[in-house]
Amino acid sequence: MINYLIIGVGGFIGAITRYALATWIGQNWGRSFPLGTFIINVSGSFLIGLIMSLLTDKFTANPYWRLLLVVGFLGAYTTFSTFEYETGTLLKDGELLYAALNVVLSVLAGFIALKMGEIISKII
């Protein structure tokens, strides 16, 4: 039962963080390109690379940290379903270039961010 509580707490914080950050980005940089979702997914990829590498390679951590940070927080923080919806909306609206950019940049930048997180964890 404690696992569910830990995941729930992390998920609560992750979801609120995602909403607040996406709203702030949209208000400050507009909404023609889904920049908020892009930044959230790339930063989430970086964080999962960093955190998982630290938890598995560097530190002997209590398994609850993985549940809280990765399963809970990052599971709620990253927004793959929103990414899919926004890409579909761009296609429906005839914004083929923005839709293609969103797919290509999100996948490439997310993978690069993941690898950077892993590399940085080795330096720490």
PDB file of N, CA and C in Angstrom:
ATOM      1  N   MET A   1       0.817  -1.203   0.000  1.00  0.00           N
ATOM      2  CA  MET A   1       0.000   0.000   0.000  1.00  0.00           C
ATOM      3  C   MET A   1       0.855   1.259   0.000  1.00  0.00           C
ATOM      4  N   ILE A   2       2.006   1.207   0.675  1.00  0.00           N
ATOM      5  CA  ILE A   2       2.879   2.383   0.738  1.00  0.00           C
ATOM      6  C   ILE A   2       3.393   2.756  -0.661  1.00  0.00           C
ATOM      7  N   ASN A   3       3.615   1.752  -1.521  1.00  0.00           N
ATOM      8  CA  ASN A   3       4.066   2.037  -2.884  1.00  0.00           C
ATOM      9  C   ASN A   3       3.077   2.924  -3.625  1.00  0.00           C
ATOM     10  N   TYR A   4       1.795   2.616  -3.482  1.00  0.00           N
ATOM     11  CA  TYR A   4       0.767   3.403  -4.158  1.00  0.00           C
ATOM     12  C   TYR A   4       0.712   4.834  -3.638  1.00  0.00           C
ATOM     13  N   LEU A   5       0.889   4.991  -2.361  1.00  0.00           N
ATOM     14  CA  LEU A   5       0.893   6.322  -1.757  1.00  0.00           C
ATOM     15  C   LEU A   5       2.084   7.135  -2.260  1.00  0.00           C
ATOM     16  N   ILE A   6       3.239   6.509  -2.307  1.00  0.00           N
ATOM     17  CA  ILE A   6       4.445   7.198  -2.789  1.00  0.00           C
ATOM     18  C   ILE A   6       4.283   7.603  -4.250  1.00  0.00           C
ATOM     19  N   ILE A   7       3.793   6.687  -5.080  1.00  0.00           N
ATOM     20  CA  ILE A   7       3.569   7.003  -6.493  1.00  0.00           C
ATOM     21  C   ILE A   7       2.534   8.119  -6.626  1.00  0.00           C
ATOM     22  N   GLY A   8       1.480   8.051  -5.825  1.00  0.00           N
ATOM     23  CA  GLY A   8       0.439   9.076  -5.863  1.00  0.00           C
ATOM     24  C   GLY A   8       0.951  10.460  -5.507  1.00  0.00           C
ATOM     25  N   VAL A   9       1.794  10.542  -4.487  1.00  0.00           N
ATOM     26  CA  VAL A   9       2.374  11.829  -4.093  1.00  0.00           C
ATOM     27  C   VAL A   9       3.243  12.370  -5.221  1.00  0.00           C
ATOM     28  N   GLY A  10       4.100  11.509  -5.772  1.00  0.00           N
ATOM     29  CA  GLY A  10       4.948  11.939  -6.886  1.00  0.00           C
ATOM     30  C   GLY A  10       4.124  12.351  -8.085  1.00  0.00           C
ATOM     31  N   GLY A  11       3.076  11.582  -8.382  1.00  0.00           N
ATOM     32  CA  GLY A  11       2.213  11.902  -9.514  1.00  0.00           C
ATOM     33  C   GLY A  11       1.474  13.215  -9.328  1.00  0.00           C
ATOM     34  N   PHE A  12       1.013  13.469  -8.120  1.00  0.00           N
ATOM     35  CA  PHE A  12       0.328  14.725  -7.808  1.00  0.00           C
ATOM     36  C   PHE A  12       1.250  15.914  -8.080  1.00  0.00           C
ATOM     37  N   ILE A  13       2.470  15.826  -7.581  1.00  0.00           N
ATOM     38  CA  ILE A  13       3.431  16.921  -7.764  1.00  0.00           C
ATOM     39  C   ILE A  13       3.820  17.053  -9.238  1.00  0.00           C
ATOM     40  N   GLY A  14       4.011  15.917  -9.908  1.00  0.00           N
ATOM     41  CA  GLY A  14       4.385  15.944 -11.325  1.00  0.00           C
ATOM     42  C   GLY A  14       3.298  16.546 -12.200  1.00  0.00           C
ATOM     43  N   ALA A  15       2.053  16.186 -11.943  1.00  0.00           N
ATOM     44  CA  ALA A  15       0.945  16.710 -12.744  1.00  0.00           C
ATOM     45  C   ALA A  15       0.776  18.211 -12.553  1.00  0.00           C
ATOM     46  N   ILE A  16       0.899  18.664 -11.320  1.00  0.00           N
ATOM     47  CA  ILE A  16       0.776  20.101 -11.058  1.00  0.00           C
ATOM     48  C   ILE A  16       1.950  20.862 -11.680  1.00  0.00           C
ATOM     49  N   THR A  17       3.131  20.300 -11.589  1.00  0.00           N
ATOM     50  CA  THR A  17       4.304  20.923 -12.200  1.00  0.00           C
ATOM     51  C   THR A  17       4.116  21.034 -13.711  1.00  0.00           C
ATOM     52  N   ARG A  18       3.645  19.954 -14.328  1.00  0.00           N
ATOM     53  CA  ARG A  18       3.409  19.963 -15.779  1.00  0.00           C
ATOM     54  C   ARG A  18       2.406  21.044 -16.153  1.00  0.00           C
ATOM     55  N   TYR A  19       1.295  21.092 -15.456  1.00  0.00           N
ATOM     56  CA  TYR A  19       0.259  22.081 -15.763  1.00  0.00           C
ATOM     57  C   TYR A  19       0.783  23.505 -15.600  1.00  0.00           C
ATOM     58  N   ALA A  20       1.464  23.766 -14.497  1.00  0.00           N
ATOM     59  CA  ALA A  20       1.969  25.114 -14.227  1.00  0.00           C
ATOM     60  C   ALA A  20       3.005  25.529 -15.274  1.00  0.00           C
ATOM     61  N   LEU A  21       3.914  24.640 -15.599  1.00  0.00           N
ATOM     62  CA  LEU A  21       4.953  24.969 -16.571  1.00  0.00           C
ATOM     63  C   LEU A  21       4.370  25.158 -17.971  1.00  0.00           C
ATOM     64  N   ALA A  22       3.489  24.262 -18.400  1.00  0.00           N
ATOM     65  CA  ALA A  22       2.881  24.386 -19.724  1.00  0.00           C
ATOM     66  C   ALA A  22       2.054  25.664 -19.834  1.00  0.00           C
ATOM     67  N   THR A  23       1.334  26.002 -18.786  1.00  0.00           N
ATOM     68  CA  THR A  23       0.538  27.233 -18.790  1.00  0.00           C
ATOM     69  C   THR A  23       1.442  28.450 -18.883  1.00  0.00           C
ATOM     70  N   TRP A  24       2.491  28.474 -18.097  1.00  0.00           N
ATOM     71  CA  TRP A  24       3.423  29.601 -18.095  1.00  0.00           C
ATOM     72  C   TRP A  24       4.095  29.764 -19.458  1.00  0.00           C
ATOM     73  N   ILE A  25       4.535  28.665 -20.042  1.00  0.00           N
ATOM     74  CA  ILE A  25       5.183  28.732 -21.362  1.00  0.00           C
ATOM     75  C   ILE A  25       4.194  29.220 -22.404  1.00  0.00           C
ATOM     76  N   GLY A  26       2.975  28.696 -22.384  1.00  0.00           N
ATOM     77  CA  GLY A  26       1.958  29.131 -23.342  1.00  0.00           C
ATOM     78  C   GLY A  26       1.632  30.606 -23.226  1.00  0.00           C
ATOM     79  N   GLN A  27       1.578  31.116 -22.009  1.00  0.00           N
ATOM     80  CA  GLN A  27       1.266  32.531 -21.789  1.00  0.00           C
ATOM     81  C   GLN A  27       2.419  33.434 -22.229  1.00  0.00           C
ATOM     82  N   ASN A  28       3.637  32.946 -22.129  1.00  0.00           N
ATOM     83  CA  ASN A  28       4.793  33.777 -22.431  1.00  0.00           C
ATOM     84  C   ASN A  28       5.316  33.623 -23.852  1.00  0.00           C
ATOM     85  N   TRP A  29       5.095  32.478 -24.481  1.00  0.00           N
ATOM     86  CA  TRP A  29       5.646  32.253 -25.816  1.00  0.00           C
ATOM     87  C   TRP A  29       4.592  31.872 -26.835  1.00  0.00           C
ATOM     88  N   GLY A  30       3.351  31.913 -26.485  1.00  0.00           N
ATOM     89  CA  GLY A  30       2.283  31.611 -27.437  1.00  0.00           C
ATOM     90  C   GLY A  30       2.004  30.126 -27.546  1.00  0.00           C
ATOM     91  N   ARG A  31       1.007  29.817 -28.360  1.00  0.00           N
ATOM     92  CA  ARG A  31       0.550  28.438 -28.462  1.00  0.00           C
ATOM     93  C   ARG A  31       0.509  27.927 -29.903  1.00  0.00           C
ATOM     94  N   SER A  32       1.119  28.641 -30.851  1.00  0.00           N
ATOM     95  CA  SER A  32       1.069  28.166 -32.236  1.00  0.00           C
ATOM     96  C   SER A  32       1.850  26.869 -32.408  1.00  0.00           C
ATOM     97  N   PHE A  33       2.932  26.706 -31.670  1.00  0.00           N
ATOM     98  CA  PHE A  33       3.686  25.452 -31.619  1.00  0.00           C
ATOM     99  C   PHE A  33       3.595  24.944 -30.188  1.00  0.00           C
ATOM    100  N   PRO A  34       3.379  23.650 -29.979  1.00  0.00           N
ATOM    101  CA  PRO A  34       3.216  23.134 -28.607  1.00  0.00           C
ATOM    102  C   PRO A  34       4.541  23.100 -27.836  1.00  0.00           C
ATOM    103  N   LEU A  35       5.097  24.277 -27.604  1.00  0.00           N
ATOM    104  CA  LEU A  35       6.395  24.410 -26.954  1.00  0.00           C
ATOM    105  C   LEU A  35       6.379  23.887 -25.519  1.00  0.00           C
ATOM    106  N   GLY A  36       5.280  24.115 -24.803  1.00  0.00           N
ATOM    107  CA  GLY A  36       5.198  23.641 -23.419  1.00  0.00           C
ATOM    108  C   GLY A  36       5.346  22.131 -23.332  1.00  0.00           C
ATOM    109  N   THR A  37       4.604  21.423 -24.160  1.00  0.00           N
ATOM    110  CA  THR A  37       4.693  19.961 -24.166  1.00  0.00           C
ATOM    111  C   THR A  37       6.076  19.512 -24.596  1.00  0.00           C
ATOM    112  N   PHE A  38       6.631  20.184 -25.600  1.00  0.00           N
ATOM    113  CA  PHE A  38       7.973  19.849 -26.079  1.00  0.00           C
ATOM    114  C   PHE A  38       9.001  19.989 -24.958  1.00  0.00           C
ATOM    115  N   ILE A  39       8.992  21.121 -24.278  1.00  0.00           N
ATOM    116  CA  ILE A  39       9.959  21.365 -23.199  1.00  0.00           C
ATOM    117  C   ILE A  39       9.757  20.362 -22.061  1.00  0.00           C
ATOM    118  N   ILE A  40       8.521  20.085 -21.725  1.00  0.00           N
ATOM    119  CA  ILE A  40       8.236  19.132 -20.657  1.00  0.00           C
ATOM    120  C   ILE A  40       8.738  17.736 -21.028  1.00  0.00           C
ATOM    121  N   ASN A  41       8.477  17.296 -22.239  1.00  0.00           N
ATOM    122  CA  ASN A  41       8.922  15.958 -22.639  1.00  0.00           C
ATOM    123  C   ASN A  41      10.434  15.854 -22.716  1.00  0.00           C
ATOM    124  N   VAL A  42      11.104  16.895 -23.225  1.00  0.00           N
ATOM    125  CA  VAL A  42      12.566  16.860 -23.311  1.00  0.00           C
ATOM    126  C   VAL A  42      13.174  16.915 -21.903  1.00  0.00           C
ATOM    127  N   SER A  43      12.671  17.808 -21.052  1.00  0.00           N
ATOM    128  CA  SER A  43      13.222  17.879 -19.696  1.00  0.00           C
ATOM    129  C   SER A  43      12.911  16.606 -18.916  1.00  0.00           C
ATOM    130  N   GLY A  44      11.748  16.010 -19.153  1.00  0.00           N
ATOM    131  CA  GLY A  44      11.419  14.736 -18.512  1.00  0.00           C
ATOM    132  C   GLY A  44      12.350  13.624 -18.980  1.00  0.00           C
ATOM    133  N   SER A  45      12.696  13.628 -20.259  1.00  0.00           N
ATOM    134  CA  SER A  45      13.652  12.640 -20.780  1.00  0.00           C
ATOM    135  C   SER A  45      15.018  12.824 -20.127  1.00  0.00           C
ATOM    136  N   PHE A  46      15.442  14.077 -20.012  1.00  0.00           N
ATOM    137  CA  PHE A  46      16.711  14.355 -19.340  1.00  0.00           C
ATOM    138  C   PHE A  46      16.674  13.860 -17.897  1.00  0.00           C
ATOM    139  N   LEU A  47      15.609  14.199 -17.194  1.00  0.00           N
ATOM    140  CA  LEU A  47      15.507  13.828 -15.783  1.00  0.00           C
ATOM    141  C   LEU A  47      15.454  12.320 -15.575  1.00  0.00           C
ATOM    142  N   ILE A  48      14.757  11.592 -16.458  1.00  0.00           N
ATOM    143  CA  ILE A  48      14.710  10.142 -16.273  1.00  0.00           C
ATOM    144  C   ILE A  48      16.085   9.535 -16.546  1.00  0.00           C
ATOM    145  N   GLY A  49      16.809  10.080 -17.539  1.00  0.00           N
ATOM    146  CA  GLY A  49      18.167   9.597 -17.783  1.00  0.00           C
ATOM    147  C   GLY A  49      19.073   9.857 -16.599  1.00  0.00           C
ATOM    148  N   LEU A  50      18.985  11.048 -16.053  1.00  0.00           N
ATOM    149  CA  LEU A  50      19.817  11.435 -14.913  1.00  0.00           C
ATOM    150  C   LEU A  50      19.451  10.631 -13.663  1.00  0.00           C
ATOM    151  N   ILE A  51      18.182  10.638 -13.316  1.00  0.00           N
ATOM    152  CA  ILE A  51      17.738  10.011 -12.065  1.00  0.00           C
ATOM    153  C   ILE A  51      17.952   8.498 -12.091  1.00  0.00           C
ATOM    154  N   MET A  52      17.556   7.842 -13.168  1.00  0.00           N
ATOM    155  CA  MET A  52      17.721   6.385 -13.217  1.00  0.00           C
ATOM    156  C   MET A  52      19.190   5.988 -13.200  1.00  0.00           C
ATOM    157  N   SER A  53      20.029   6.763 -13.889  1.00  0.00           N
ATOM    158  CA  SER A  53      21.463   6.455 -13.861  1.00  0.00           C
ATOM    159  C   SER A  53      22.032   6.659 -12.464  1.00  0.00           C
ATOM    160  N   LEU A  54      21.628   7.735 -11.812  1.00  0.00           N
ATOM    161  CA  LEU A  54      22.114   7.975 -10.450  1.00  0.00           C
ATOM    162  C   LEU A  54      21.626   6.891  -9.492  1.00  0.00           C
ATOM    163  N   LEU A  55      20.355   6.532  -9.604  1.00  0.00           N
ATOM    164  CA  LEU A  55      19.790   5.555  -8.678  1.00  0.00           C
ATOM    165  C   LEU A  55      20.323   4.142  -8.907  1.00  0.00           C
ATOM    166  N   THR A  56      20.706   3.823 -10.139  1.00  0.00           N
ATOM    167  CA  THR A  56      21.156   2.461 -10.417  1.00  0.00           C
ATOM    168  C   THR A  56      22.672   2.332 -10.474  1.00  0.00           C
ATOM    169  N   ASP A  57      23.379   3.389 -10.880  1.00  0.00           N
ATOM    170  CA  ASP A  57      24.825   3.282 -11.076  1.00  0.00           C
ATOM    171  C   ASP A  57      25.653   3.952  -9.986  1.00  0.00           C
ATOM    172  N   LYS A  58      25.160   5.030  -9.427  1.00  0.00           N
ATOM    173  CA  LYS A  58      25.963   5.838  -8.500  1.00  0.00           C
ATOM    174  C   LYS A  58      25.661   5.595  -7.031  1.00  0.00           C
ATOM    175  N   PHE A  59      24.393   5.497  -6.721  1.00  0.00           N
ATOM    176  CA  PHE A  59      23.987   5.454  -5.325  1.00  0.00           C
ATOM    177  C   PHE A  59      23.199   4.178  -5.031  1.00  0.00           C
ATOM    178  N   THR A  60      23.330   3.735  -3.832  1.00  0.00           N
ATOM    179  CA  THR A  60      22.447   2.673  -3.359  1.00  0.00           C
ATOM    180  C   THR A  60      21.284   3.381  -2.676  1.00  0.00           C
ATOM    181  N   ALA A  61      20.219   3.521  -3.427  1.00  0.00           N
ATOM    182  CA  ALA A  61      19.087   4.293  -2.927  1.00  0.00           C
ATOM    183  C   ALA A  61      17.939   3.372  -2.553  1.00  0.00           C
ATOM    184  N   ASN A  62      17.156   3.836  -1.636  1.00  0.00           N
ATOM    185  CA  ASN A  62      15.933   3.142  -1.269  1.00  0.00           C
ATOM    186  C   ASN A  62      15.049   3.057  -2.523  1.00  0.00           C
ATOM    187  N   PRO A  63      14.469   1.901  -2.817  1.00  0.00           N
ATOM    188  CA  PRO A  63      13.621   1.755  -4.004  1.00  0.00           C
ATOM    189  C   PRO A  63      12.437   2.721  -4.037  1.00  0.00           C
ATOM    190  N   TYR A  64      12.074   3.270  -2.905  1.00  0.00           N
ATOM    191  CA  TYR A  64      10.980   4.243  -2.881  1.00  0.00           C
ATOM    192  C   TYR A  64      11.307   5.496  -3.691  1.00  0.00           C
ATOM    193  N   TRP A  65      12.586   5.843  -3.800  1.00  0.00           N
ATOM    194  CA  TRP A  65      12.966   7.020  -4.579  1.00  0.00           C
ATOM    195  C   TRP A  65      12.594   6.847  -6.047  1.00  0.00           C
ATOM    196  N   ARG A  66      12.811   5.650  -6.583  1.00  0.00           N
ATOM    197  CA  ARG A  66      12.437   5.386  -7.976  1.00  0.00           C
ATOM    198  C   ARG A  66      10.925   5.501  -8.145  1.00  0.00           C
ATOM    199  N   LEU A  67      10.175   4.962  -7.199  1.00  0.00           N
ATOM    200  CA  LEU A  67       8.718   5.054  -7.280  1.00  0.00           C
ATOM    201  C   LEU A  67       8.248   6.503  -7.213  1.00  0.00           C
ATOM    202  N   LEU A  68       8.818   7.263  -6.304  1.00  0.00           N
ATOM    203  CA  LEU A  68       8.413   8.659  -6.133  1.00  0.00           C
ATOM    204  C   LEU A  68       8.795   9.508  -7.342  1.00  0.00           C
ATOM    205  N   LEU A  69      10.078   9.439  -7.731  1.00  0.00           N
ATOM    206  CA  LEU A  69      10.593  10.349  -8.757  1.00  0.00           C
ATOM    207  C   LEU A  69      10.305   9.907 -10.187  1.00  0.00           C
ATOM    208  N   VAL A  70      10.502   8.639 -10.479  1.00  0.00           N
ATOM    209  CA  VAL A  70      10.376   8.174 -11.861  1.00  0.00           C
ATOM    210  C   VAL A  70       8.940   7.750 -12.179  1.00  0.00           C
ATOM    211  N   VAL A  71       8.415   6.808 -11.408  1.00  0.00           N
ATOM    212  CA  VAL A  71       7.071   6.312 -11.693  1.00  0.00           C
ATOM    213  C   VAL A  71       6.030   7.385 -11.398  1.00  0.00           C
ATOM    214  N   GLY A  72       6.120   8.015 -10.240  1.00  0.00           N
ATOM    215  CA  GLY A  72       5.130   9.017  -9.847  1.00  0.00           C
ATOM    216  C   GLY A  72       5.321  10.355 -10.534  1.00  0.00           C
ATOM    217  N   PHE A  73       6.389  11.071 -10.147  1.00  0.00           N
ATOM    218  CA  PHE A  73       6.589  12.431 -10.648  1.00  0.00           C
ATOM    219  C   PHE A  73       6.742  12.474 -12.168  1.00  0.00           C
ATOM    220  N   LEU A  74       7.725  11.753 -12.707  1.00  0.00           N
ATOM    221  CA  LEU A  74       7.968  11.828 -14.148  1.00  0.00           C
ATOM    222  C   LEU A  74       6.848  11.171 -14.953  1.00  0.00           C
ATOM    223  N   GLY A  75       6.208  10.152 -14.380  1.00  0.00           N
ATOM    224  CA  GLY A  75       5.069   9.547 -15.063  1.00  0.00           C
ATOM    225  C   GLY A  75       3.936  10.542 -15.276  1.00  0.00           C
ATOM    226  N   ALA A  76       3.727  11.417 -14.329  1.00  0.00           N
ATOM    227  CA  ALA A  76       2.678  12.440 -14.450  1.00  0.00           C
ATOM    228  C   ALA A  76       3.190  13.700 -15.140  1.00  0.00           C
ATOM    229  N   TYR A  77       4.466  13.973 -15.006  1.00  0.00           N
ATOM    230  CA  TYR A  77       5.052  15.201 -15.565  1.00  0.00           C
ATOM    231  C   TYR A  77       5.166  15.135 -17.082  1.00  0.00           C
ATOM    232  N   THR A  78       5.655  14.019 -17.600  1.00  0.00           N
ATOM    233  CA  THR A  78       5.790  13.911 -19.050  1.00  0.00           C
ATOM    234  C   THR A  78       4.429  13.703 -19.680  1.00  0.00           C
ATOM    235  N   THR A  79       4.305  14.066 -20.930  1.00  0.00           N
ATOM    236  CA  THR A  79       2.977  14.218 -21.516  1.00  0.00           C
ATOM    237  C   THR A  79       2.882  13.596 -22.904  1.00  0.00           C
ATOM    238  N   PHE A  80       3.193  12.327 -23.023  1.00  0.00           N
ATOM    239  CA  PHE A  80       3.172  11.724 -24.347  1.00  0.00           C
ATOM    240  C   PHE A  80       1.781  11.757 -24.973  1.00  0.00           C
ATOM    241  N   SER A  81       0.753  11.519 -24.191  1.00  0.00           N
ATOM    242  CA  SER A  81      -0.594  11.552 -24.764  1.00  0.00           C
ATOM    243  C   SER A  81      -0.948  12.959 -25.237  1.00  0.00           C
ATOM    244  N   THR A  82      -0.519  13.962 -24.509  1.00  0.00           N
ATOM    245  CA  THR A  82      -0.748  15.343 -24.939  1.00  0.00           C
ATOM    246  C   THR A  82       0.034  15.634 -26.210  1.00  0.00           C
ATOM    247  N   PHE A  83       1.256  15.145 -26.296  1.00  0.00           N
ATOM    248  CA  PHE A  83       2.078  15.278 -27.504  1.00  0.00           C
ATOM    249  C   PHE A  83       1.331  14.696 -28.708  1.00  0.00           C
ATOM    250  N   GLU A  84       0.773  13.519 -28.553  1.00  0.00           N
ATOM    251  CA  GLU A  84       0.047  12.883 -29.653  1.00  0.00           C
ATOM    252  C   GLU A  84      -1.178  13.713 -30.047  1.00  0.00           C
ATOM    253  N   TYR A  85      -1.916  14.182 -29.059  1.00  0.00           N
ATOM    254  CA  TYR A  85      -3.117  14.967 -29.335  1.00  0.00           C
ATOM    255  C   TYR A  85      -2.769  16.268 -30.061  1.00  0.00           C
ATOM    256  N   GLU A  86      -1.750  16.967 -29.561  1.00  0.00           N
ATOM    257  CA  GLU A  86      -1.374  18.244 -30.172  1.00  0.00           C
ATOM    258  C   GLU A  86      -0.843  18.047 -31.591  1.00  0.00           C
ATOM    259  N   THR A  87      -0.121  16.971 -31.823  1.00  0.00           N
ATOM    260  CA  THR A  87       0.361  16.684 -33.177  1.00  0.00           C
ATOM    261  C   THR A  87      -0.818  16.394 -34.096  1.00  0.00           C
ATOM    262  N   GLY A  88      -1.792  15.627 -33.613  1.00  0.00           N
ATOM    263  CA  GLY A  88      -2.995  15.357 -34.396  1.00  0.00           C
ATOM    264  C   GLY A  88      -3.773  16.625 -34.704  1.00  0.00           C
ATOM    265  N   THR A  89      -3.846  17.526 -33.737  1.00  0.00           N
ATOM    266  CA  THR A  89      -4.535  18.796 -33.952  1.00  0.00           C
ATOM    267  C   THR A  89      -3.822  19.636 -35.005  1.00  0.00           C
ATOM    268  N   LEU A  90      -2.491  19.662 -34.941  1.00  0.00           N
ATOM    269  CA  LEU A  90      -1.721  20.394 -35.953  1.00  0.00           C
ATOM    270  C   LEU A  90      -1.996  19.829 -37.350  1.00  0.00           C
ATOM    271  N   LEU A  91      -2.043  18.512 -37.469  1.00  0.00           N
ATOM    272  CA  LEU A  91      -2.343  17.890 -38.764  1.00  0.00           C
ATOM    273  C   LEU A  91      -3.748  18.242 -39.226  1.00  0.00           C
ATOM    274  N   LYS A  92      -4.711  18.163 -38.312  1.00  0.00           N
ATOM    275  CA  LYS A  92      -6.107  18.482 -38.643  1.00  0.00           C
ATOM    276  C   LYS A  92      -6.245  19.925 -39.108  1.00  0.00           C
ATOM    277  N   ASP A  93      -5.436  20.810 -38.510  1.00  0.00           N
ATOM    278  CA  ASP A  93      -5.483  22.227 -38.860  1.00  0.00           C
ATOM    279  C   ASP A  93      -4.651  22.559 -40.092  1.00  0.00           C
ATOM    280  N   GLY A  94      -4.058  21.541 -40.715  1.00  0.00           N
ATOM    281  CA  GLY A  94      -3.268  21.772 -41.920  1.00  0.00           C
ATOM    282  C   GLY A  94      -1.860  22.265 -41.662  1.00  0.00           C
ATOM    283  N   GLU A  95      -1.411  22.194 -40.426  1.00  0.00           N
ATOM    284  CA  GLU A  95      -0.068  22.656 -40.059  1.00  0.00           C
ATOM    285  C   GLU A  95       0.922  21.490 -40.152  1.00  0.00           C
ATOM    286  N   LEU A  96       1.133  21.006 -41.363  1.00  0.00           N
ATOM    287  CA  LEU A  96       1.984  19.837 -41.581  1.00  0.00           C
ATOM    288  C   LEU A  96       3.418  20.076 -41.124  1.00  0.00           C
ATOM    289  N   LEU A  97       3.955  21.259 -41.399  1.00  0.00           N
ATOM    290  CA  LEU A  97       5.334  21.559 -40.997  1.00  0.00           C
ATOM    291  C   LEU A  97       5.481  21.533 -39.474  1.00  0.00           C
ATOM    292  N   TYR A  98       4.569  22.196 -38.762  1.00  0.00           N
ATOM    293  CA  TYR A  98       4.631  22.197 -37.301  1.00  0.00           C
ATOM    294  C   TYR A  98       4.439  20.781 -36.744  1.00  0.00           C
ATOM    295  N   ALA A  99       3.546  20.018 -37.335  1.00  0.00           N
ATOM    296  CA  ALA A  99       3.320  18.641 -36.871  1.00  0.00           C
ATOM    297  C   ALA A  99       4.588  17.807 -37.054  1.00  0.00           C
ATOM    298  N   ALA A 100       5.212  17.917 -38.219  1.00  0.00           N
ATOM    299  CA  ALA A 100       6.444  17.165 -38.489  1.00  0.00           C
ATOM    300  C   ALA A 100       7.565  17.621 -37.565  1.00  0.00           C
ATOM    301  N   LEU A 101       7.697  18.933 -37.375  1.00  0.00           N
ATOM    302  CA  LEU A 101       8.720  19.447 -36.463  1.00  0.00           C
ATOM    303  C   LEU A 101       8.499  18.934 -35.050  1.00  0.00           C
ATOM    304  N   ASN A 102       7.257  18.919 -34.613  1.00  0.00           N
ATOM    305  CA  ASN A 102       6.951  18.449 -33.266  1.00  0.00           C
ATOM    306  C   ASN A 102       7.367  16.996 -33.083  1.00  0.00           C
ATOM    307  N   VAL A 103       7.080  16.156 -34.052  1.00  0.00           N
ATOM    308  CA  VAL A 103       7.438  14.741 -33.951  1.00  0.00           C
ATOM    309  C   VAL A 103       8.953  14.558 -33.980  1.00  0.00           C
ATOM    310  N   VAL A 104       9.594  15.133 -34.992  1.00  0.00           N
ATOM    311  CA  VAL A 104      11.038  14.931 -35.167  1.00  0.00           C
ATOM    312  C   VAL A 104      11.816  15.546 -34.009  1.00  0.00           C
ATOM    313  N   LEU A 105      11.515  16.792 -33.676  1.00  0.00           N
ATOM    314  CA  LEU A 105      12.261  17.458 -32.605  1.00  0.00           C
ATOM    315  C   LEU A 105      12.014  16.804 -31.250  1.00  0.00           C
ATOM    316  N   SER A 106      10.788  16.420 -30.970  1.00  0.00           N
ATOM    317  CA  SER A 106      10.494  15.801 -29.673  1.00  0.00           C
ATOM    318  C   SER A 106      11.240  14.486 -29.500  1.00  0.00           C
ATOM    319  N   VAL A 107      11.247  13.670 -30.539  1.00  0.00           N
ATOM    320  CA  VAL A 107      11.928  12.379 -30.436  1.00  0.00           C
ATOM    321  C   VAL A 107      13.440  12.569 -30.347  1.00  0.00           C
ATOM    322  N   LEU A 108      14.005  13.388 -31.231  1.00  0.00           N
ATOM    323  CA  LEU A 108      15.462  13.594 -31.220  1.00  0.00           C
ATOM    324  C   LEU A 108      15.933  14.309 -29.959  1.00  0.00           C
ATOM    325  N   ALA A 109      15.277  15.404 -29.620  1.00  0.00           N
ATOM    326  CA  ALA A 109      15.699  16.159 -28.439  1.00  0.00           C
ATOM    327  C   ALA A 109      15.476  15.345 -27.168  1.00  0.00           C
ATOM    328  N   GLY A 110      14.392  14.587 -27.111  1.00  0.00           N
ATOM    329  CA  GLY A 110      14.144  13.737 -25.943  1.00  0.00           C
ATOM    330  C   GLY A 110      15.216  12.684 -25.781  1.00  0.00           C
ATOM    331  N   PHE A 111      15.623  12.058 -26.881  1.00  0.00           N
ATOM    332  CA  PHE A 111      16.673  11.037 -26.806  1.00  0.00           C
ATOM    333  C   PHE A 111      18.013  11.653 -26.421  1.00  0.00           C
ATOM    334  N   ILE A 112      18.338  12.799 -27.012  1.00  0.00           N
ATOM    335  CA  ILE A 112      19.590  13.488 -26.665  1.00  0.00           C
ATOM    336  C   ILE A 112      19.569  13.888 -25.191  1.00  0.00           C
ATOM    337  N   ALA A 113      18.439  14.394 -24.715  1.00  0.00           N
ATOM    338  CA  ALA A 113      18.325  14.787 -23.305  1.00  0.00           C
ATOM    339  C   ALA A 113      18.488  13.578 -22.395  1.00  0.00           C
ATOM    340  N   LEU A 114      17.903  12.446 -22.768  1.00  0.00           N
ATOM    341  CA  LEU A 114      18.060  11.223 -21.991  1.00  0.00           C
ATOM    342  C   LEU A 114      19.535  10.856 -21.873  1.00  0.00           C
ATOM    343  N   LYS A 115      20.254  10.870 -22.991  1.00  0.00           N
ATOM    344  CA  LYS A 115      21.671  10.518 -22.985  1.00  0.00           C
ATOM    345  C   LYS A 115      22.489  11.530 -22.187  1.00  0.00           C
ATOM    346  N   MET A 116      22.145  12.807 -22.289  1.00  0.00           N
ATOM    347  CA  MET A 116      22.853  13.832 -21.505  1.00  0.00           C
ATOM    348  C   MET A 116      22.659  13.588 -20.011  1.00  0.00           C
ATOM    349  N   GLY A 117      21.446  13.220 -19.611  1.00  0.00           N
ATOM    350  CA  GLY A 117      21.198  12.910 -18.204  1.00  0.00           C
ATOM    351  C   GLY A 117      22.047  11.748 -17.736  1.00  0.00           C
ATOM    352  N   GLU A 118      22.167  10.727 -18.571  1.00  0.00           N
ATOM    353  CA  GLU A 118      22.995   9.577 -18.225  1.00  0.00           C
ATOM    354  C   GLU A 118      24.474   9.983 -18.106  1.00  0.00           C
ATOM    355  N   ILE A 119      24.937  10.801 -19.034  1.00  0.00           N
ATOM    356  CA  ILE A 119      26.349  11.246 -19.018  1.00  0.00           C
ATOM    357  C   ILE A 119      26.631  12.092 -17.780  1.00  0.00           C
ATOM    358  N   ILE A 120      25.747  13.031 -17.484  1.00  0.00           N
ATOM    359  CA  ILE A 120      25.932  13.900 -16.329  1.00  0.00           C
ATOM    360  C   ILE A 120      25.923  13.081 -15.036  1.00  0.00           C
ATOM    361  N   SER A 121      25.102  12.042 -14.995  1.00  0.00           N
ATOM    362  CA  SER A 121      25.080  11.216 -13.782  1.00  0.00           C
ATOM    363  C   SER A 121      26.431  10.543 -13.517  1.00  0.00           C
ATOM    364  N   LYS A 122      27.175  10.290 -14.562  1.00  0.00           N
ATOM    365  CA  LYS A 122      28.492   9.670 -14.395  1.00  0.00           C
ATOM    366  C   LYS A 122      29.533  10.666 -13.885  1.00  0.00           C
ATOM    367  N   ILE A 123      29.305  11.947 -14.132  1.00  0.00           N
ATOM    368  CA  ILE A 123      30.217  12.994 -13.671  1.00  0.00           C
ATOM    369  C   ILE A 123      30.000  13.315 -12.207  1.00  0.00           C
ATOM    370  N   ILE A 124      28.743  13.190 -11.788  1.00  0.00           N
ATOM    371  CA  ILE A 124      28.381  13.540 -10.400  1.00  0.00           C
ATOM    372  C   ILE A 124      29.021  12.594  -9.423  1.00  0.00           C
TER     373      ILE A 124
END
